Amino acid sequence: MSLNRLNSRERAKRRSASRETRRNKKRFRKQLWRWVAFSGIGFVGFIIVLSLVLPQSMGGSALNIGGSDDISSSGSQLTEMPSILIEKGIPHMDYDTYPPTSGWYVDLKQDEIVWDDRTDPIENELQVSYLRYGAVLVQYGCEQDCQELKAKLKEVTDQYEEGVILAPYDTMDAKIALTSWLWIDKFDKFDAQRVSDFIEVHLGQGPVRIN
């Protein structure tokens, strides 16, 4: 066999091996990209499932007693006003709502907190102090005697040992006002479920935790 023919066969083998190597590399790259794509889809799916399952398995804050998760159905959310500590009796600008849900407040230490029902209206600045601790205030106002309405509201608020205060409020444009930190709900006709839902959703949601 001539030397030229031998070299020609050798070159042909090398070209064939080179083509096979390129094909293998191409197949490997396709498999690698396919694996990356499927892994990415799987990871996204895992994150979606985790985002749906994890919130249901975790508890809320210390004062949150549970209940409805649909906060959109439990009052109106307001923009937070600047939290400014003031001395009692110092004048300041108006609150966004009455009763207030944030804004100017007076100093209220934890050992001064009282969860009892009130027979007199609570100062707005003190209300905000309680809301900062995650309280829910249930307040009522009537042109005439409010004893019947007060009794109905008390049946609901008495179910909570702490975190809820029932009190009169003389200057508001509704018979009933429910307030928590940044949330308010006003209405005229007593609705026990509405009051209870608001409390269960918003109780314990203030920016300051009770130790």
C-alpha atoms as a PDB file:
ATOM      1  CA  MET A   1       0.000   0.000   0.000  1.00  0.00           C
ATOM      2  CA  SER A   2       1.364   3.362  -0.983  1.00  0.00           C
ATOM      3  CA  LEU A   3       2.287   5.977   1.570  1.00  0.00           C
ATOM      4  CA  ASN A   4      -0.052   8.546   0.001  1.00  0.00           C
ATOM      5  CA  ARG A   5      -3.048   6.223   0.301  1.00  0.00           C
ATOM      6  CA  LEU A   6      -2.188   5.461   3.929  1.00  0.00           C
ATOM      7  CA  ASN A   7      -1.973   9.168   4.752  1.00  0.00           C
ATOM      8  CA  SER A   8      -5.294   9.795   2.985  1.00  0.00           C
ATOM      9  CA  ARG A   9      -7.050   7.163   5.076  1.00  0.00           C
ATOM     10  CA  GLU A  10      -5.479   8.557   8.239  1.00  0.00           C
ATOM     11  CA  ARG A  11      -6.695  12.052   7.419  1.00  0.00           C
ATOM     12  CA  ALA A  12     -10.173  10.714   6.683  1.00  0.00           C
ATOM     13  CA  LYS A  13     -10.254   8.977  10.082  1.00  0.00           C
ATOM     14  CA  ARG A  14      -9.189  12.189  11.780  1.00  0.00           C
ATOM     15  CA  ARG A  15     -11.862  14.217   9.990  1.00  0.00           C
ATOM     16  CA  SER A  16     -14.497  11.640  10.943  1.00  0.00           C
ATOM     17  CA  ALA A  17     -13.367  11.664  14.570  1.00  0.00           C
ATOM     18  CA  SER A  18     -13.404  15.480  14.569  1.00  0.00           C
ATOM     19  CA  ARG A  19     -16.952  15.559  13.197  1.00  0.00           C
ATOM     20  CA  GLU A  20     -18.074  13.029  15.796  1.00  0.00           C
ATOM     21  CA  THR A  21     -16.484  15.118  18.560  1.00  0.00           C
ATOM     22  CA  ARG A  22     -18.302  18.219  17.349  1.00  0.00           C
ATOM     23  CA  ARG A  23     -21.588  16.335  17.203  1.00  0.00           C
ATOM     24  CA  ASN A  24     -21.059  15.047  20.756  1.00  0.00           C
ATOM     25  CA  LYS A  25     -20.301  18.543  21.990  1.00  0.00           C
ATOM     26  CA  LYS A  26     -23.414  19.877  20.246  1.00  0.00           C
ATOM     27  CA  ARG A  27     -25.584  17.145  21.771  1.00  0.00           C
ATOM     28  CA  PHE A  28     -24.074  17.863  25.195  1.00  0.00           C
ATOM     29  CA  ARG A  29     -24.828  21.573  24.900  1.00  0.00           C
ATOM     30  CA  LYS A  30     -28.426  20.857  23.913  1.00  0.00           C
ATOM     31  CA  GLN A  31     -28.842  18.478  26.838  1.00  0.00           C
ATOM     32  CA  LEU A  32     -27.247  21.002  29.177  1.00  0.00           C
ATOM     33  CA  TRP A  33     -29.562  23.819  28.064  1.00  0.00           C
ATOM     34  CA  ARG A  34     -32.554  21.492  28.279  1.00  0.00           C
ATOM     35  CA  TRP A  35     -31.564  20.557  31.837  1.00  0.00           C
ATOM     36  CA  VAL A  36     -31.105  24.224  32.791  1.00  0.00           C
ATOM     37  CA  ALA A  37     -34.501  25.117  31.322  1.00  0.00           C
ATOM     38  CA  PHE A  38     -36.316  22.307  33.134  1.00  0.00           C
ATOM     39  CA  SER A  39     -34.479  23.115  36.364  1.00  0.00           C
ATOM     40  CA  GLY A  40     -35.492  26.761  36.076  1.00  0.00           C
ATOM     41  CA  ILE A  41     -39.125  25.841  35.496  1.00  0.00           C
ATOM     42  CA  GLY A  42     -39.021  23.452  38.430  1.00  0.00           C
ATOM     43  CA  PHE A  43     -37.477  26.099  40.680  1.00  0.00           C
ATOM     44  CA  VAL A  44     -40.112  28.664  39.736  1.00  0.00           C
ATOM     45  CA  GLY A  45     -42.818  26.111  40.417  1.00  0.00           C
ATOM     46  CA  PHE A  46     -41.270  25.333  43.791  1.00  0.00           C
ATOM     47  CA  ILE A  47     -41.221  29.040  44.703  1.00  0.00           C
ATOM     48  CA  ILE A  48     -44.878  29.417  43.721  1.00  0.00           C
ATOM     49  CA  VAL A  49     -45.922  26.428  45.803  1.00  0.00           C
ATOM     50  CA  LEU A  50     -43.812  27.645  48.732  1.00  0.00           C
ATOM     51  CA  SER A  51     -45.361  31.111  48.573  1.00  0.00           C
ATOM     52  CA  LEU A  52     -48.830  29.560  48.779  1.00  0.00           C
ATOM     53  CA  VAL A  53     -48.113  27.073  51.528  1.00  0.00           C
ATOM     54  CA  LEU A  54     -45.685  28.949  53.789  1.00  0.00           C
ATOM     55  CA  PRO A  55     -47.964  31.847  54.854  1.00  0.00           C
ATOM     56  CA  GLN A  56     -50.645  29.373  55.903  1.00  0.00           C
ATOM     57  CA  SER A  57     -48.222  27.465  58.113  1.00  0.00           C
ATOM     58  CA  MET A  58     -46.873  30.492  59.998  1.00  0.00           C
ATOM     59  CA  GLY A  59     -48.477  32.252  62.903  1.00  0.00           C
ATOM     60  CA  GLY A  60     -49.085  35.993  63.347  1.00  0.00           C
ATOM     61  CA  SER A  61     -48.000  38.480  65.969  1.00  0.00           C
ATOM     62  CA  ALA A  62     -48.267  38.039  69.712  1.00  0.00           C
ATOM     63  CA  LEU A  63     -51.685  39.682  70.035  1.00  0.00           C
ATOM     64  CA  ASN A  64     -53.149  38.390  66.778  1.00  0.00           C
ATOM     65  CA  ILE A  65     -55.851  35.891  67.653  1.00  0.00           C
ATOM     66  CA  GLY A  66     -56.406  34.713  64.082  1.00  0.00           C
ATOM     67  CA  GLY A  67     -59.569  34.852  62.037  1.00  0.00           C
ATOM     68  CA  SER A  68     -60.280  36.152  58.558  1.00  0.00           C
ATOM     69  CA  ASP A  69     -57.258  36.658  56.287  1.00  0.00           C
ATOM     70  CA  ASP A  70     -59.123  38.985  53.910  1.00  0.00           C
ATOM     71  CA  ILE A  71     -58.155  42.357  55.378  1.00  0.00           C
ATOM     72  CA  SER A  72     -59.718  44.167  52.439  1.00  0.00           C
ATOM     73  CA  SER A  73     -63.145  43.313  53.837  1.00  0.00           C
ATOM     74  CA  SER A  74     -62.361  44.646  57.310  1.00  0.00           C
ATOM     75  CA  GLY A  75     -62.324  48.412  57.028  1.00  0.00           C
ATOM     76  CA  SER A  76     -60.372  50.997  55.063  1.00  0.00           C
ATOM     77  CA  GLN A  77     -56.590  51.262  55.152  1.00  0.00           C
ATOM     78  CA  LEU A  78     -55.103  54.730  55.575  1.00  0.00           C
ATOM     79  CA  THR A  79     -51.730  56.293  54.892  1.00  0.00           C
ATOM     80  CA  GLU A  80     -49.567  56.500  57.996  1.00  0.00           C
ATOM     81  CA  MET A  81     -49.242  59.985  59.457  1.00  0.00           C
ATOM     82  CA  PRO A  82     -45.919  61.072  61.004  1.00  0.00           C
ATOM     83  CA  SER A  83     -45.532  59.465  64.433  1.00  0.00           C
ATOM     84  CA  ILE A  84     -44.706  62.370  66.720  1.00  0.00           C
ATOM     85  CA  LEU A  85     -44.486  62.031  70.491  1.00  0.00           C
ATOM     86  CA  ILE A  86     -45.944  65.079  72.241  1.00  0.00           C
ATOM     87  CA  GLU A  87     -46.725  66.154  75.764  1.00  0.00           C
ATOM     88  CA  LYS A  88     -50.319  65.843  76.906  1.00  0.00           C
ATOM     89  CA  GLY A  89     -52.330  68.943  76.050  1.00  0.00           C
ATOM     90  CA  ILE A  90     -49.900  70.264  73.423  1.00  0.00           C
ATOM     91  CA  PRO A  91     -51.829  71.469  70.326  1.00  0.00           C
ATOM     92  CA  HIS A  92     -51.049  69.950  66.942  1.00  0.00           C
ATOM     93  CA  MET A  93     -52.434  69.601  63.420  1.00  0.00           C
ATOM     94  CA  ASP A  94     -55.619  67.651  62.707  1.00  0.00           C
ATOM     95  CA  TYR A  95     -55.675  63.895  62.279  1.00  0.00           C
ATOM     96  CA  ASP A  96     -56.687  62.432  58.938  1.00  0.00           C
ATOM     97  CA  THR A  97     -59.673  60.720  60.572  1.00  0.00           C
ATOM     98  CA  TYR A  98     -61.623  60.902  63.812  1.00  0.00           C
ATOM     99  CA  PRO A  99     -61.112  58.617  65.617  1.00  0.00           C
ATOM    100  CA  PRO A 100     -57.447  58.587  64.492  1.00  0.00           C
ATOM    101  CA  THR A 101     -55.425  55.612  63.307  1.00  0.00           C
ATOM    102  CA  SER A 102     -51.913  57.117  63.485  1.00  0.00           C
ATOM    103  CA  GLY A 103     -50.142  60.413  64.069  1.00  0.00           C
ATOM    104  CA  TRP A 104     -49.481  62.414  67.213  1.00  0.00           C
ATOM    105  CA  TYR A 105     -49.395  60.391  70.421  1.00  0.00           C
ATOM    106  CA  VAL A 106     -48.522  60.733  74.091  1.00  0.00           C
ATOM    107  CA  ASP A 107     -46.133  58.552  76.048  1.00  0.00           C
ATOM    108  CA  LEU A 108     -47.766  55.319  77.237  1.00  0.00           C
ATOM    109  CA  LYS A 109     -45.542  52.829  78.989  1.00  0.00           C
ATOM    110  CA  GLN A 110     -46.421  49.154  78.951  1.00  0.00           C
ATOM    111  CA  ASP A 111     -47.093  49.046  82.695  1.00  0.00           C
ATOM    112  CA  GLU A 112     -49.653  51.837  82.224  1.00  0.00           C
ATOM    113  CA  ILE A 113     -51.767  49.941  79.702  1.00  0.00           C
ATOM    114  CA  VAL A 114     -55.327  49.229  80.855  1.00  0.00           C
ATOM    115  CA  TRP A 115     -57.650  47.041  78.794  1.00  0.00           C
ATOM    116  CA  ASP A 116     -60.844  47.841  80.739  1.00  0.00           C
ATOM    117  CA  ASP A 117     -63.921  49.349  79.084  1.00  0.00           C
ATOM    118  CA  ARG A 118     -64.121  53.126  79.432  1.00  0.00           C
ATOM    119  CA  THR A 119     -67.085  55.221  80.491  1.00  0.00           C
ATOM    120  CA  ASP A 120     -65.506  58.463  79.206  1.00  0.00           C
ATOM    121  CA  PRO A 121     -64.052  59.199  75.788  1.00  0.00           C
ATOM    122  CA  ILE A 122     -60.347  58.489  75.309  1.00  0.00           C
ATOM    123  CA  GLU A 123     -58.145  61.385  74.197  1.00  0.00           C
ATOM    124  CA  ASN A 124     -57.118  61.046  70.556  1.00  0.00           C
ATOM    125  CA  GLU A 125     -53.415  61.163  71.408  1.00  0.00           C
ATOM    126  CA  LEU A 126     -53.841  58.358  73.924  1.00  0.00           C
ATOM    127  CA  GLN A 127     -55.836  56.347  71.396  1.00  0.00           C
ATOM    128  CA  VAL A 128     -52.911  56.451  68.974  1.00  0.00           C
ATOM    129  CA  SER A 129     -50.604  55.297  71.781  1.00  0.00           C
ATOM    130  CA  TYR A 130     -52.790  52.229  72.292  1.00  0.00           C
ATOM    131  CA  LEU A 131     -53.010  51.564  68.555  1.00  0.00           C
ATOM    132  CA  ARG A 132     -49.205  51.599  68.370  1.00  0.00           C
ATOM    133  CA  TYR A 133     -49.269  48.636  70.774  1.00  0.00           C
ATOM    134  CA  GLY A 134     -51.619  46.749  68.456  1.00  0.00           C
ATOM    135  CA  ALA A 135     -54.891  47.540  70.229  1.00  0.00           C
ATOM    136  CA  VAL A 136     -58.299  47.671  68.584  1.00  0.00           C
ATOM    137  CA  LEU A 137     -60.653  50.413  69.771  1.00  0.00           C
ATOM    138  CA  VAL A 138     -64.396  49.869  69.515  1.00  0.00           C
ATOM    139  CA  GLN A 139     -66.144  53.220  69.980  1.00  0.00           C
ATOM    140  CA  TYR A 140     -69.740  54.317  69.841  1.00  0.00           C
ATOM    141  CA  GLY A 141     -71.627  57.594  69.699  1.00  0.00           C
ATOM    142  CA  CYS A 142     -75.351  58.335  69.833  1.00  0.00           C
ATOM    143  CA  GLU A 143     -77.448  61.465  69.905  1.00  0.00           C
ATOM    144  CA  GLN A 144     -79.516  59.872  72.649  1.00  0.00           C
ATOM    145  CA  ASP A 145     -78.894  57.061  75.133  1.00  0.00           C
ATOM    146  CA  CYS A 146     -76.378  54.467  73.865  1.00  0.00           C
ATOM    147  CA  GLN A 147     -76.939  51.838  76.522  1.00  0.00           C
ATOM    148  CA  GLU A 148     -78.509  49.268  74.170  1.00  0.00           C
ATOM    149  CA  LEU A 149     -75.779  49.709  71.554  1.00  0.00           C
ATOM    150  CA  LYS A 150     -73.096  49.657  74.228  1.00  0.00           C
ATOM    151  CA  ALA A 151     -74.472  46.398  75.632  1.00  0.00           C
ATOM    152  CA  LYS A 152     -74.395  44.732  72.204  1.00  0.00           C
ATOM    153  CA  LEU A 153     -70.849  45.883  71.543  1.00  0.00           C
ATOM    154  CA  LYS A 154     -69.776  44.748  74.976  1.00  0.00           C
ATOM    155  CA  GLU A 155     -70.984  41.222  74.245  1.00  0.00           C
ATOM    156  CA  VAL A 156     -68.403  41.120  71.452  1.00  0.00           C
ATOM    157  CA  THR A 157     -65.518  42.921  73.166  1.00  0.00           C
ATOM    158  CA  ASP A 158     -65.871  40.857  76.349  1.00  0.00           C
ATOM    159  CA  GLN A 159     -64.663  37.848  74.365  1.00  0.00           C
ATOM    160  CA  TYR A 160     -61.162  39.340  74.347  1.00  0.00           C
ATOM    161  CA  GLU A 161     -59.185  39.494  77.576  1.00  0.00           C
ATOM    162  CA  GLU A 162     -56.698  42.046  76.248  1.00  0.00           C
ATOM    163  CA  GLY A 163     -56.003  44.190  73.236  1.00  0.00           C
ATOM    164  CA  VAL A 164     -59.567  45.542  72.807  1.00  0.00           C
ATOM    165  CA  ILE A 165     -61.065  48.653  74.406  1.00  0.00           C
ATOM    166  CA  LEU A 166     -64.711  49.713  74.314  1.00  0.00           C
ATOM    167  CA  ALA A 167     -65.338  53.432  74.810  1.00  0.00           C
ATOM    168  CA  PRO A 168     -67.704  56.269  73.858  1.00  0.00           C
ATOM    169  CA  TYR A 169     -66.704  58.860  71.272  1.00  0.00           C
ATOM    170  CA  ASP A 170     -68.833  61.976  71.117  1.00  0.00           C
ATOM    171  CA  THR A 171     -67.689  63.653  67.916  1.00  0.00           C
ATOM    172  CA  MET A 172     -67.777  61.231  65.006  1.00  0.00           C
ATOM    173  CA  ASP A 173     -70.016  60.915  61.963  1.00  0.00           C
ATOM    174  CA  ALA A 174     -71.167  57.354  62.667  1.00  0.00           C
ATOM    175  CA  LYS A 175     -72.668  55.404  65.529  1.00  0.00           C
ATOM    176  CA  ILE A 176     -69.862  52.825  65.555  1.00  0.00           C
ATOM    177  CA  ALA A 177     -66.168  53.235  64.754  1.00  0.00           C
ATOM    178  CA  LEU A 178     -63.579  50.465  64.800  1.00  0.00           C
ATOM    179  CA  THR A 179     -59.941  51.500  64.688  1.00  0.00           C
ATOM    180  CA  SER A 180     -56.578  49.766  64.665  1.00  0.00           C
ATOM    181  CA  TRP A 181     -53.159  50.878  63.457  1.00  0.00           C
ATOM    182  CA  LEU A 182     -53.804  52.470  59.994  1.00  0.00           C
ATOM    183  CA  TRP A 183     -57.283  50.914  59.670  1.00  0.00           C
ATOM    184  CA  ILE A 184     -60.776  52.251  60.329  1.00  0.00           C
ATOM    185  CA  ASP A 185     -64.341  51.052  59.800  1.00  0.00           C
ATOM    186  CA  LYS A 186     -67.410  53.192  60.478  1.00  0.00           C
ATOM    187  CA  PHE A 187     -71.059  52.183  60.291  1.00  0.00           C
ATOM    188  CA  ASP A 188     -74.407  52.897  61.935  1.00  0.00           C
ATOM    189  CA  LYS A 189     -76.159  49.540  62.200  1.00  0.00           C
ATOM    190  CA  PHE A 190     -74.781  47.095  64.754  1.00  0.00           C
ATOM    191  CA  ASP A 191     -73.213  44.005  63.187  1.00  0.00           C
ATOM    192  CA  ALA A 192     -71.569  41.618  65.633  1.00  0.00           C
ATOM    193  CA  GLN A 193     -69.777  39.656  62.903  1.00  0.00           C
ATOM    194  CA  ARG A 194     -68.375  42.829  61.372  1.00  0.00           C
ATOM    195  CA  VAL A 195     -66.983  43.932  64.724  1.00  0.00           C
ATOM    196  CA  SER A 196     -65.553  40.501  65.477  1.00  0.00           C
ATOM    197  CA  ASP A 197     -63.952  40.169  62.035  1.00  0.00           C
ATOM    198  CA  PHE A 198     -62.261  43.552  62.352  1.00  0.00           C
ATOM    199  CA  ILE A 199     -60.820  42.630  65.736  1.00  0.00           C
ATOM    200  CA  GLU A 200     -59.580  39.222  64.622  1.00  0.00           C
ATOM    201  CA  VAL A 201     -57.885  40.621  61.529  1.00  0.00           C
ATOM    202  CA  HIS A 202     -56.238  43.717  63.025  1.00  0.00           C
ATOM    203  CA  LEU A 203     -55.554  42.885  66.664  1.00  0.00           C
ATOM    204  CA  GLY A 204     -51.834  42.982  67.425  1.00  0.00           C
ATOM    205  CA  GLN A 205     -50.828  44.706  64.186  1.00  0.00           C
ATOM    206  CA  GLY A 206     -49.284  47.853  65.657  1.00  0.00           C
ATOM    207  CA  PRO A 207     -45.628  48.847  65.149  1.00  0.00           C
ATOM    208  CA  VAL A 208     -44.740  48.361  68.833  1.00  0.00           C
ATOM    209  CA  ARG A 209     -44.769  44.920  70.422  1.00  0.00           C
ATOM    210  CA  ILE A 210     -45.736  44.301  74.036  1.00  0.00           C
ATOM    211  CA  ASN A 211     -42.965  42.400  75.824  1.00  0.00           C
END
